[in-house]
Amino acid sequence: MSIRNTVKVRGGAAVAIAAALVLTLAGCGDDGKAKTPPSTPTADKNTDAAAQPQPSAGKQSSAPPQVLATVNGEAGVVLAVHSVVRDTGGFVTVSGQIQNTADKPFANTAAWRGNELKTSGVSVAGVNLVDKAGKKRYYVLRDTEGRCLCSTGVAIIEAGQAVPFFAQFPAPPASTSEVEFNFPTFASTTLKISG
């Protein structure tokens, strides 16, 4: 094989790879939904407002989240619970935010991780739910590697900062509609389960 043929083969291979890459990247942006044709300039601009497309449920709302409970903690830290949802998968997810209302950073988050040391690191794995009627305590779920199914990385909350949190628990029986939520360094609060 001559040098010239080798160059042609390499150049042809490069073109084939580049074409495959372009086709692959072009396919990445497709979300699988049917494309709607762009509106034409002849379309009637005085259409009824009800006929206009409504925002999808997956988009963020600008309305403030619902607050089910607010609990004051130490040094100006406030815990707000936004939702307690029973999912069909057999678990309950509690979510909300922790806000530092003080004028200096808050770093006393070690108690929030409970007895977690290496598996989940800095986390809110120390939270739990108590079903008083069923006389049972529920701890945060773990993945197959032992890490908590909860917020991690909350080591310091700066002054004025609000950080989101979530924790997933095994679901109490369907007959249980209220649970006590225990978050270390905060007072316990009763929460109603939705879903």
N, C-alpha and C. Protein backbone atom coordinates (compact mmCIF):
# COMPACT_ATOMS: atom_id res chain seq x y z
N MET A 1 0.85 -1.17 0.00
CA MET A 1 0.00 0.00 0.00
C MET A 1 0.89 1.22 0.00
N SER A 2 0.63 2.17 -0.86
CA SER A 2 1.46 3.37 -0.94
C SER A 2 1.08 4.36 0.13
N ILE A 3 1.91 5.35 0.33
CA ILE A 3 1.65 6.40 1.32
C ILE A 3 0.39 7.16 0.95
N ARG A 4 0.22 7.40 -0.36
CA ARG A 4 -0.95 8.14 -0.81
C ARG A 4 -2.24 7.40 -0.45
N ASN A 5 -2.31 6.12 -0.63
CA ASN A 5 -3.49 5.34 -0.29
C ASN A 5 -3.73 5.34 1.21
N THR A 6 -2.65 5.31 1.98
CA THR A 6 -2.77 5.35 3.44
C THR A 6 -3.40 6.66 3.86
N VAL A 7 -2.99 7.75 3.28
CA VAL A 7 -3.55 9.05 3.62
C VAL A 7 -5.02 9.11 3.25
N LYS A 8 -5.38 8.57 2.09
CA LYS A 8 -6.78 8.56 1.68
C LYS A 8 -7.63 7.75 2.66
N VAL A 9 -7.12 6.61 3.09
CA VAL A 9 -7.87 5.78 4.02
C VAL A 9 -8.04 6.51 5.35
N ARG A 10 -6.96 7.13 5.85
CA ARG A 10 -7.05 7.86 7.10
C ARG A 10 -8.01 9.04 6.97
N GLY A 11 -7.94 9.74 5.86
CA GLY A 11 -8.84 10.87 5.65
C GLY A 11 -10.28 10.40 5.55
N GLY A 12 -10.51 9.28 4.88
CA GLY A 12 -11.86 8.73 4.77
C GLY A 12 -12.38 8.28 6.12
N ALA A 13 -11.51 7.68 6.94
CA ALA A 13 -11.91 7.26 8.28
C ALA A 13 -12.27 8.46 9.13
N ALA A 14 -11.51 9.52 9.01
CA ALA A 14 -11.79 10.74 9.79
C ALA A 14 -13.13 11.33 9.39
N VAL A 15 -13.42 11.33 8.10
CA VAL A 15 -14.71 11.85 7.62
C VAL A 15 -15.85 10.98 8.14
N ALA A 16 -15.67 9.66 8.12
CA ALA A 16 -16.71 8.74 8.61
C ALA A 16 -16.95 8.94 10.10
N ILE A 17 -15.89 9.10 10.88
CA ILE A 17 -16.02 9.32 12.33
C ILE A 17 -16.72 10.65 12.59
N ALA A 18 -16.31 11.69 11.86
CA ALA A 18 -16.93 13.01 12.05
C ALA A 18 -18.42 12.96 11.70
N ALA A 19 -18.77 12.25 10.63
CA ALA A 19 -20.18 12.15 10.26
C ALA A 19 -20.98 11.40 11.32
N ALA A 20 -20.40 10.33 11.86
CA ALA A 20 -21.09 9.57 12.91
C ALA A 20 -21.26 10.42 14.16
N LEU A 21 -20.26 11.21 14.48
CA LEU A 21 -20.34 12.09 15.65
C LEU A 21 -21.42 13.15 15.48
N VAL A 22 -21.50 13.74 14.29
CA VAL A 22 -22.53 14.75 14.03
C VAL A 22 -23.92 14.14 14.15
N LEU A 23 -24.11 12.94 13.59
CA LEU A 23 -25.42 12.29 13.69
C LEU A 23 -25.75 11.93 15.13
N THR A 24 -24.77 11.51 15.89
CA THR A 24 -25.00 11.17 17.29
C THR A 24 -25.40 12.41 18.08
N LEU A 25 -24.67 13.50 17.91
CA LEU A 25 -24.98 14.73 18.63
C LEU A 25 -26.32 15.31 18.21
N ALA A 26 -26.66 15.17 16.96
CA ALA A 26 -27.96 15.68 16.50
C ALA A 26 -29.09 14.91 17.15
N GLY A 27 -28.90 13.65 17.43
CA GLY A 27 -29.93 12.83 18.06
C GLY A 27 -30.07 13.10 19.55
N CYS A 28 -29.07 13.73 20.19
CA CYS A 28 -29.12 13.96 21.64
C CYS A 28 -30.18 14.97 22.03
N GLY A 29 -30.48 15.92 21.19
CA GLY A 29 -31.43 16.96 21.56
C GLY A 29 -32.88 16.56 21.40
N ASP A 30 -33.17 15.42 20.81
CA ASP A 30 -34.53 15.00 20.58
C ASP A 30 -35.13 14.48 21.86
N ASP A 31 -36.26 15.03 22.28
CA ASP A 31 -36.90 14.59 23.51
C ASP A 31 -37.99 13.56 23.24
N GLY A 32 -38.11 13.12 22.00
CA GLY A 32 -39.08 12.09 21.67
C GLY A 32 -40.49 12.62 21.46
N LYS A 33 -40.70 13.92 21.61
CA LYS A 33 -42.03 14.50 21.43
C LYS A 33 -42.17 14.98 19.98
N ALA A 34 -43.37 14.97 19.51
CA ALA A 34 -43.64 15.44 18.15
C ALA A 34 -43.39 16.93 18.08
N LYS A 35 -42.79 17.35 17.00
CA LYS A 35 -42.48 18.77 16.80
C LYS A 35 -43.70 19.47 16.22
N THR A 36 -43.99 20.67 16.73
CA THR A 36 -45.08 21.44 16.17
C THR A 36 -44.49 22.43 15.18
N PRO A 37 -45.14 22.62 14.05
CA PRO A 37 -44.60 23.55 13.06
C PRO A 37 -44.69 24.97 13.59
N PRO A 38 -43.73 25.82 13.20
CA PRO A 38 -43.77 27.20 13.65
C PRO A 38 -45.02 27.89 13.11
N SER A 39 -45.51 28.89 13.84
CA SER A 39 -46.71 29.59 13.40
C SER A 39 -46.40 30.40 12.16
N THR A 40 -47.40 30.51 11.33
CA THR A 40 -47.22 31.25 10.08
C THR A 40 -47.67 32.68 10.27
N PRO A 41 -47.14 33.60 9.47
CA PRO A 41 -47.54 35.00 9.62
C PRO A 41 -49.02 35.22 9.32
N THR A 42 -49.67 34.28 8.64
CA THR A 42 -51.07 34.46 8.30
C THR A 42 -52.00 33.97 9.40
N ALA A 43 -51.45 33.43 10.49
CA ALA A 43 -52.29 32.93 11.58
C ALA A 43 -53.02 34.09 12.23
N ASP A 44 -54.23 33.82 12.70
CA ASP A 44 -55.04 34.84 13.33
C ASP A 44 -54.43 35.21 14.68
N LYS A 45 -54.10 36.47 14.88
CA LYS A 45 -53.46 36.92 16.12
C LYS A 45 -54.47 37.20 17.21
N ASN A 46 -55.74 37.19 16.91
CA ASN A 46 -56.77 37.47 17.91
C ASN A 46 -57.43 36.18 18.38
N THR A 47 -56.63 35.20 18.71
CA THR A 47 -57.18 33.94 19.18
C THR A 47 -57.61 34.05 20.63
N ASP A 48 -58.50 33.17 21.03
CA ASP A 48 -59.00 33.15 22.40
C ASP A 48 -57.86 32.76 23.35
N ALA A 49 -57.78 33.40 24.52
CA ALA A 49 -56.72 33.13 25.49
C ALA A 49 -56.77 31.69 25.97
N ALA A 50 -57.95 31.09 26.01
CA ALA A 50 -58.06 29.71 26.47
C ALA A 50 -57.43 28.74 25.48
N ALA A 51 -57.32 29.15 24.22
CA ALA A 51 -56.74 28.28 23.22
C ALA A 51 -55.22 28.30 23.26
N GLN A 52 -54.64 29.24 23.98
CA GLN A 52 -53.19 29.32 24.09
C GLN A 52 -52.66 28.16 24.92
N PRO A 53 -51.46 27.66 24.60
CA PRO A 53 -50.91 26.55 25.37
C PRO A 53 -50.64 26.98 26.81
N GLN A 54 -51.00 26.10 27.72
CA GLN A 54 -50.79 26.37 29.14
C GLN A 54 -49.43 25.84 29.56
N PRO A 55 -48.79 26.44 30.60
CA PRO A 55 -47.49 25.93 31.05
C PRO A 55 -47.65 24.50 31.55
N SER A 56 -46.62 23.70 31.32
CA SER A 56 -46.68 22.30 31.75
C SER A 56 -46.49 22.19 33.25
N ALA A 57 -46.94 21.08 33.81
CA ALA A 57 -46.85 20.87 35.25
C ALA A 57 -45.42 20.72 35.71
N GLY A 58 -44.48 20.39 34.83
CA GLY A 58 -43.08 20.19 35.22
C GLY A 58 -42.31 21.48 35.43
N LYS A 59 -42.88 22.62 35.07
CA LYS A 59 -42.17 23.88 35.22
C LYS A 59 -42.31 24.41 36.63
N GLN A 60 -41.29 25.14 37.07
CA GLN A 60 -41.27 25.72 38.41
C GLN A 60 -42.30 26.83 38.52
N SER A 61 -42.98 26.89 39.63
CA SER A 61 -43.94 27.95 39.88
C SER A 61 -43.24 29.08 40.61
N SER A 62 -43.67 30.32 40.35
CA SER A 62 -43.06 31.45 41.04
C SER A 62 -43.71 31.68 42.41
N ALA A 63 -44.78 30.95 42.70
CA ALA A 63 -45.45 31.08 43.99
C ALA A 63 -44.58 30.47 45.08
N PRO A 64 -44.59 31.06 46.29
CA PRO A 64 -43.79 30.48 47.36
C PRO A 64 -44.32 29.10 47.73
N PRO A 65 -43.43 28.20 48.16
CA PRO A 65 -43.89 26.86 48.51
C PRO A 65 -44.78 26.87 49.75
N GLN A 66 -45.65 25.89 49.83
CA GLN A 66 -46.52 25.74 50.99
C GLN A 66 -45.66 25.37 52.19
N VAL A 67 -45.98 25.91 53.35
CA VAL A 67 -45.25 25.60 54.58
C VAL A 67 -46.19 24.84 55.50
N LEU A 68 -45.86 23.56 55.76
CA LEU A 68 -46.67 22.73 56.65
C LEU A 68 -46.32 22.94 58.11
N ALA A 69 -45.04 23.22 58.37
CA ALA A 69 -44.58 23.43 59.74
C ALA A 69 -43.30 24.25 59.73
N THR A 70 -43.14 25.07 60.75
CA THR A 70 -41.93 25.86 60.94
C THR A 70 -41.45 25.63 62.36
N VAL A 71 -40.16 25.31 62.50
CA VAL A 71 -39.59 25.05 63.82
C VAL A 71 -38.30 25.84 63.96
N ASN A 72 -38.18 26.57 65.05
CA ASN A 72 -36.97 27.34 65.32
C ASN A 72 -35.93 26.45 65.97
N GLY A 73 -34.70 26.58 65.53
CA GLY A 73 -33.58 25.84 66.09
C GLY A 73 -32.64 26.77 66.82
N GLU A 74 -31.44 26.29 67.05
CA GLU A 74 -30.45 27.09 67.76
C GLU A 74 -29.81 28.13 66.84
N ALA A 75 -29.35 29.20 67.42
CA ALA A 75 -28.57 30.25 66.74
C ALA A 75 -29.26 30.84 65.51
N GLY A 76 -30.59 30.97 65.56
CA GLY A 76 -31.31 31.63 64.47
C GLY A 76 -31.58 30.76 63.26
N VAL A 77 -31.44 29.45 63.38
CA VAL A 77 -31.72 28.55 62.25
C VAL A 77 -33.19 28.12 62.31
N VAL A 78 -33.86 28.21 61.17
CA VAL A 78 -35.29 27.90 61.09
C VAL A 78 -35.50 26.77 60.09
N LEU A 79 -36.26 25.77 60.50
CA LEU A 79 -36.61 24.62 59.66
C LEU A 79 -38.04 24.80 59.17
N ALA A 80 -38.23 24.74 57.86
CA ALA A 80 -39.58 24.82 57.28
C ALA A 80 -39.83 23.55 56.48
N VAL A 81 -40.93 22.86 56.78
CA VAL A 81 -41.31 21.65 56.05
C VAL A 81 -42.34 22.03 55.00
N HIS A 82 -42.06 21.68 53.74
CA HIS A 82 -42.95 22.04 52.64
C HIS A 82 -43.86 20.91 52.21
N SER A 83 -43.40 19.67 52.32
CA SER A 83 -44.25 18.56 51.89
C SER A 83 -43.88 17.27 52.60
N VAL A 84 -44.89 16.44 52.80
CA VAL A 84 -44.75 15.09 53.35
C VAL A 84 -45.62 14.22 52.47
N VAL A 85 -44.99 13.51 51.53
CA VAL A 85 -45.74 12.82 50.48
C VAL A 85 -45.51 11.31 50.55
N ARG A 86 -46.61 10.58 50.56
CA ARG A 86 -46.57 9.11 50.50
C ARG A 86 -46.53 8.73 49.02
N ASP A 87 -45.50 8.01 48.62
CA ASP A 87 -45.36 7.59 47.23
C ASP A 87 -45.80 6.15 47.07
N THR A 88 -46.16 5.78 45.84
CA THR A 88 -46.64 4.43 45.58
C THR A 88 -45.55 3.39 45.75
N GLY A 89 -44.30 3.81 45.78
CA GLY A 89 -43.19 2.87 45.92
C GLY A 89 -42.99 2.37 47.34
N GLY A 90 -43.84 2.81 48.28
CA GLY A 90 -43.72 2.33 49.65
C GLY A 90 -42.84 3.18 50.53
N PHE A 91 -42.71 4.47 50.20
CA PHE A 91 -41.92 5.35 51.05
C PHE A 91 -42.59 6.70 51.19
N VAL A 92 -42.11 7.46 52.18
CA VAL A 92 -42.60 8.82 52.44
C VAL A 92 -41.41 9.77 52.27
N THR A 93 -41.61 10.85 51.53
CA THR A 93 -40.57 11.84 51.34
C THR A 93 -40.96 13.12 52.06
N VAL A 94 -40.07 13.59 52.94
CA VAL A 94 -40.26 14.86 53.64
C VAL A 94 -39.27 15.83 53.02
N SER A 95 -39.75 17.01 52.63
CA SER A 95 -38.86 18.01 52.05
C SER A 95 -39.20 19.40 52.56
N GLY A 96 -38.21 20.26 52.49
CA GLY A 96 -38.38 21.64 52.96
C GLY A 96 -37.08 22.40 52.82
N GLN A 97 -36.86 23.33 53.73
CA GLN A 97 -35.62 24.10 53.70
C GLN A 97 -35.18 24.47 55.11
N ILE A 98 -33.89 24.70 55.24
CA ILE A 98 -33.29 25.15 56.49
C ILE A 98 -32.69 26.51 56.21
N GLN A 99 -33.10 27.51 56.97
CA GLN A 99 -32.61 28.87 56.73
C GLN A 99 -31.89 29.40 57.95
N ASN A 100 -30.76 30.05 57.69
CA ASN A 100 -30.00 30.71 58.75
C ASN A 100 -30.42 32.17 58.76
N THR A 101 -31.19 32.57 59.76
CA THR A 101 -31.66 33.95 59.85
C THR A 101 -30.70 34.83 60.64
N ALA A 102 -29.64 34.24 61.15
CA ALA A 102 -28.66 35.00 61.94
C ALA A 102 -27.72 35.78 61.03
N ASP A 103 -26.87 36.60 61.64
CA ASP A 103 -25.93 37.41 60.86
C ASP A 103 -24.54 36.80 60.80
N LYS A 104 -24.40 35.53 61.20
CA LYS A 104 -23.11 34.84 61.08
C LYS A 104 -23.36 33.39 60.63
N PRO A 105 -22.36 32.75 60.04
CA PRO A 105 -22.54 31.39 59.54
C PRO A 105 -22.88 30.41 60.66
N PHE A 106 -23.67 29.38 60.31
CA PHE A 106 -24.03 28.32 61.25
C PHE A 106 -23.31 27.05 60.82
N ALA A 107 -22.53 26.47 61.75
CA ALA A 107 -21.74 25.29 61.40
C ALA A 107 -21.98 24.11 62.33
N ASN A 108 -22.98 24.19 63.20
CA ASN A 108 -23.23 23.11 64.15
C ASN A 108 -24.19 22.08 63.54
N THR A 109 -23.79 21.48 62.41
CA THR A 109 -24.65 20.54 61.70
C THR A 109 -24.29 19.08 61.96
N ALA A 110 -23.29 18.82 62.77
CA ALA A 110 -22.84 17.44 63.02
C ALA A 110 -23.96 16.58 63.62
N ALA A 111 -24.78 17.15 64.49
CA ALA A 111 -25.86 16.39 65.12
C ALA A 111 -26.92 15.95 64.12
N TRP A 112 -27.05 16.64 63.00
CA TRP A 112 -28.06 16.33 62.00
C TRP A 112 -27.82 14.98 61.33
N ARG A 113 -26.59 14.52 61.30
CA ARG A 113 -26.30 13.26 60.63
C ARG A 113 -26.50 12.05 61.53
N GLY A 114 -26.88 12.26 62.76
CA GLY A 114 -27.11 11.14 63.67
C GLY A 114 -25.83 10.39 63.92
N ASN A 115 -25.88 9.07 63.85
CA ASN A 115 -24.68 8.28 64.09
C ASN A 115 -23.94 7.93 62.80
N GLU A 116 -24.25 8.61 61.71
CA GLU A 116 -23.54 8.39 60.44
C GLU A 116 -22.10 8.86 60.60
N LEU A 117 -21.16 8.07 60.14
CA LEU A 117 -19.77 8.49 60.20
C LEU A 117 -19.15 8.54 58.81
N LYS A 118 -19.09 7.42 58.15
CA LYS A 118 -18.42 7.38 56.85
C LYS A 118 -19.37 7.21 55.68
N THR A 119 -20.48 6.53 55.88
CA THR A 119 -21.33 6.16 54.75
C THR A 119 -21.92 7.37 54.04
N SER A 120 -22.59 8.24 54.79
CA SER A 120 -23.26 9.38 54.17
C SER A 120 -22.54 10.70 54.41
N GLY A 121 -21.56 10.70 55.28
CA GLY A 121 -20.83 11.94 55.54
C GLY A 121 -21.74 12.99 56.14
N VAL A 122 -21.48 14.24 55.80
CA VAL A 122 -22.29 15.34 56.30
C VAL A 122 -23.66 15.24 55.65
N SER A 123 -24.70 15.02 56.45
CA SER A 123 -26.03 14.78 55.90
C SER A 123 -27.08 15.13 56.95
N VAL A 124 -28.34 14.87 56.60
CA VAL A 124 -29.44 15.01 57.57
C VAL A 124 -29.99 13.63 57.90
N ALA A 125 -29.11 12.61 57.92
CA ALA A 125 -29.52 11.23 58.15
C ALA A 125 -30.00 10.97 59.57
N GLY A 126 -29.85 11.93 60.47
CA GLY A 126 -30.30 11.75 61.84
C GLY A 126 -31.78 12.01 62.06
N VAL A 127 -32.50 12.43 61.01
CA VAL A 127 -33.92 12.71 61.15
C VAL A 127 -34.70 11.40 61.21
N ASN A 128 -35.87 11.43 61.81
CA ASN A 128 -36.73 10.24 61.86
C ASN A 128 -38.18 10.64 61.97
N LEU A 129 -39.05 9.69 61.67
CA LEU A 129 -40.50 9.85 61.80
C LEU A 129 -40.99 8.90 62.88
N VAL A 130 -41.99 9.32 63.65
CA VAL A 130 -42.58 8.46 64.66
C VAL A 130 -44.07 8.37 64.40
N ASP A 131 -44.54 7.12 64.26
CA ASP A 131 -45.97 6.84 64.17
C ASP A 131 -46.42 6.54 65.59
N LYS A 132 -46.99 7.54 66.25
CA LYS A 132 -47.39 7.38 67.66
C LYS A 132 -48.50 6.34 67.81
N ALA A 133 -49.46 6.34 66.89
CA ALA A 133 -50.57 5.39 67.00
C ALA A 133 -50.05 3.95 66.83
N GLY A 134 -49.15 3.76 65.88
CA GLY A 134 -48.60 2.43 65.63
C GLY A 134 -47.41 2.10 66.50
N LYS A 135 -46.96 3.08 67.29
CA LYS A 135 -45.82 2.92 68.20
C LYS A 135 -44.60 2.40 67.45
N LYS A 136 -44.24 3.11 66.37
CA LYS A 136 -43.10 2.70 65.57
C LYS A 136 -42.32 3.91 65.10
N ARG A 137 -40.98 3.79 65.09
CA ARG A 137 -40.09 4.85 64.62
C ARG A 137 -39.53 4.44 63.26
N TYR A 138 -39.47 5.40 62.33
CA TYR A 138 -38.96 5.15 60.98
C TYR A 138 -37.71 5.98 60.76
N TYR A 139 -36.64 5.29 60.34
CA TYR A 139 -35.37 5.95 60.06
C TYR A 139 -35.21 6.16 58.56
N VAL A 140 -34.28 7.03 58.18
CA VAL A 140 -34.03 7.35 56.78
C VAL A 140 -33.61 6.09 56.02
N LEU A 141 -34.16 5.93 54.83
CA LEU A 141 -33.81 4.80 53.97
C LEU A 141 -32.36 4.90 53.51
N ARG A 142 -31.80 3.76 53.12
CA ARG A 142 -30.42 3.70 52.62
C ARG A 142 -30.41 3.08 51.22
N ASP A 143 -29.42 3.45 50.42
CA ASP A 143 -29.26 2.81 49.12
C ASP A 143 -28.46 1.52 49.30
N THR A 144 -28.14 0.84 48.21
CA THR A 144 -27.45 -0.45 48.30
C THR A 144 -26.03 -0.33 48.83
N GLU A 145 -25.48 0.88 48.82
CA GLU A 145 -24.13 1.08 49.36
C GLU A 145 -24.16 1.66 50.77
N GLY A 146 -25.35 1.76 51.35
CA GLY A 146 -25.46 2.23 52.73
C GLY A 146 -25.57 3.74 52.89
N ARG A 147 -25.63 4.48 51.79
CA ARG A 147 -25.76 5.94 51.89
C ARG A 147 -27.22 6.31 52.10
N CYS A 148 -27.43 7.35 52.88
CA CYS A 148 -28.80 7.76 53.18
C CYS A 148 -29.49 8.33 51.95
N LEU A 149 -30.80 8.14 51.89
CA LEU A 149 -31.62 8.78 50.85
C LEU A 149 -32.12 10.08 51.46
N CYS A 150 -31.18 11.01 51.56
CA CYS A 150 -31.46 12.30 52.19
C CYS A 150 -30.45 13.33 51.69
N SER A 151 -30.64 14.57 52.09
CA SER A 151 -29.72 15.64 51.70
C SER A 151 -28.36 15.42 52.33
N THR A 152 -27.32 15.66 51.55
CA THR A 152 -25.95 15.55 52.04
C THR A 152 -25.20 16.84 51.72
N GLY A 153 -24.07 17.02 52.35
CA GLY A 153 -23.21 18.17 52.05
C GLY A 153 -23.60 19.45 52.77
N VAL A 154 -24.50 19.37 53.73
CA VAL A 154 -24.90 20.58 54.47
C VAL A 154 -23.97 20.70 55.68
N ALA A 155 -22.85 21.38 55.50
CA ALA A 155 -21.86 21.52 56.58
C ALA A 155 -21.95 22.89 57.23
N ILE A 156 -22.06 23.92 56.41
CA ILE A 156 -22.14 25.30 56.91
C ILE A 156 -23.26 26.00 56.16
N ILE A 157 -24.09 26.73 56.90
CA ILE A 157 -25.14 27.54 56.28
C ILE A 157 -24.77 28.99 56.54
N GLU A 158 -24.49 29.70 55.49
CA GLU A 158 -24.06 31.10 55.60
C GLU A 158 -25.20 31.97 56.13
N ALA A 159 -24.85 33.13 56.65
CA ALA A 159 -25.84 34.07 57.17
C ALA A 159 -26.84 34.43 56.07
N GLY A 160 -28.13 34.28 56.37
CA GLY A 160 -29.18 34.60 55.41
C GLY A 160 -29.44 33.52 54.37
N GLN A 161 -28.65 32.48 54.33
CA GLN A 161 -28.79 31.43 53.32
C GLN A 161 -29.88 30.44 53.70
N ALA A 162 -30.61 29.95 52.70
CA ALA A 162 -31.60 28.89 52.88
C ALA A 162 -31.18 27.72 52.00
N VAL A 163 -31.09 26.54 52.60
CA VAL A 163 -30.71 25.35 51.84
C VAL A 163 -31.86 24.34 51.86
N PRO A 164 -32.13 23.71 50.72
CA PRO A 164 -33.21 22.71 50.69
C PRO A 164 -32.76 21.42 51.36
N PHE A 165 -33.72 20.66 51.87
CA PHE A 165 -33.42 19.34 52.41
C PHE A 165 -34.54 18.39 52.02
N PHE A 166 -34.20 17.10 52.01
CA PHE A 166 -35.21 16.06 51.84
C PHE A 166 -34.72 14.82 52.57
N ALA A 167 -35.64 13.96 52.93
CA ALA A 167 -35.32 12.67 53.52
C ALA A 167 -36.44 11.70 53.16
N GLN A 168 -36.06 10.46 52.83
CA GLN A 168 -37.05 9.44 52.48
C GLN A 168 -37.06 8.35 53.55
N PHE A 169 -38.27 7.93 53.90
CA PHE A 169 -38.49 6.95 54.95
C PHE A 169 -39.38 5.83 54.44
N PRO A 170 -39.32 4.65 55.08
CA PRO A 170 -40.31 3.63 54.76
C PRO A 170 -41.69 4.19 55.11
N ALA A 171 -42.68 3.88 54.32
CA ALA A 171 -44.03 4.42 54.55
C ALA A 171 -44.70 3.70 55.72
N PRO A 172 -45.29 4.48 56.64
CA PRO A 172 -46.13 3.86 57.67
C PRO A 172 -47.36 3.25 57.01
N PRO A 173 -48.15 2.47 57.74
CA PRO A 173 -49.37 1.90 57.16
C PRO A 173 -50.29 2.98 56.59
N ALA A 174 -51.09 2.62 55.62
CA ALA A 174 -52.00 3.58 54.97
C ALA A 174 -52.95 4.22 55.96
N SER A 175 -53.23 3.55 57.06
CA SER A 175 -54.14 4.11 58.07
C SER A 175 -53.49 5.24 58.87
N THR A 176 -52.17 5.37 58.78
CA THR A 176 -51.46 6.44 59.50
C THR A 176 -51.45 7.69 58.64
N SER A 177 -52.07 8.75 59.13
CA SER A 177 -52.14 9.99 58.36
C SER A 177 -51.26 11.08 58.94
N GLU A 178 -50.80 10.92 60.19
CA GLU A 178 -49.93 11.92 60.82
C GLU A 178 -48.74 11.23 61.46
N VAL A 179 -47.60 11.91 61.39
CA VAL A 179 -46.38 11.40 62.02
C VAL A 179 -45.70 12.55 62.75
N GLU A 180 -44.89 12.19 63.72
CA GLU A 180 -44.06 13.18 64.41
C GLU A 180 -42.72 13.21 63.68
N PHE A 181 -42.25 14.39 63.33
CA PHE A 181 -40.99 14.57 62.61
C PHE A 181 -39.94 15.07 63.59
N ASN A 182 -38.86 14.31 63.71
CA ASN A 182 -37.77 14.67 64.61
C ASN A 182 -36.52 15.00 63.81
N PHE A 183 -36.06 16.23 63.95
CA PHE A 183 -34.85 16.70 63.27
C PHE A 183 -33.92 17.18 64.39
N PRO A 184 -32.76 16.53 64.57
CA PRO A 184 -31.88 16.89 65.69
C PRO A 184 -31.62 18.39 65.78
N THR A 185 -31.59 18.91 66.98
CA THR A 185 -31.41 20.32 67.37
C THR A 185 -32.65 21.17 67.17
N PHE A 186 -33.75 20.57 66.67
CA PHE A 186 -35.02 21.27 66.53
C PHE A 186 -36.07 20.54 67.37
N ALA A 187 -37.11 21.27 67.76
CA ALA A 187 -38.21 20.62 68.47
C ALA A 187 -38.97 19.71 67.52
N SER A 188 -39.61 18.69 68.06
CA SER A 188 -40.43 17.78 67.23
C SER A 188 -41.67 18.51 66.76
N THR A 189 -42.17 18.09 65.60
CA THR A 189 -43.40 18.68 65.08
C THR A 189 -44.24 17.59 64.43
N THR A 190 -45.55 17.74 64.49
CA THR A 190 -46.46 16.76 63.88
C THR A 190 -46.77 17.18 62.46
N LEU A 191 -46.68 16.21 61.54
CA LEU A 191 -46.91 16.47 60.12
C LEU A 191 -47.98 15.55 59.57
N LYS A 192 -48.80 16.10 58.67
CA LYS A 192 -49.84 15.31 58.02
C LYS A 192 -49.28 14.77 56.70
N ILE A 193 -49.47 13.48 56.46
CA ILE A 193 -48.98 12.84 55.23
C ILE A 193 -50.01 13.04 54.11
N SER A 194 -49.54 13.45 52.95
CA SER A 194 -50.44 13.56 51.80
C SER A 194 -50.10 12.44 50.81
N GLY A 195 -51.08 12.09 50.00
CA GLY A 195 -50.87 11.09 48.98
C GLY A 195 -51.24 9.70 49.39
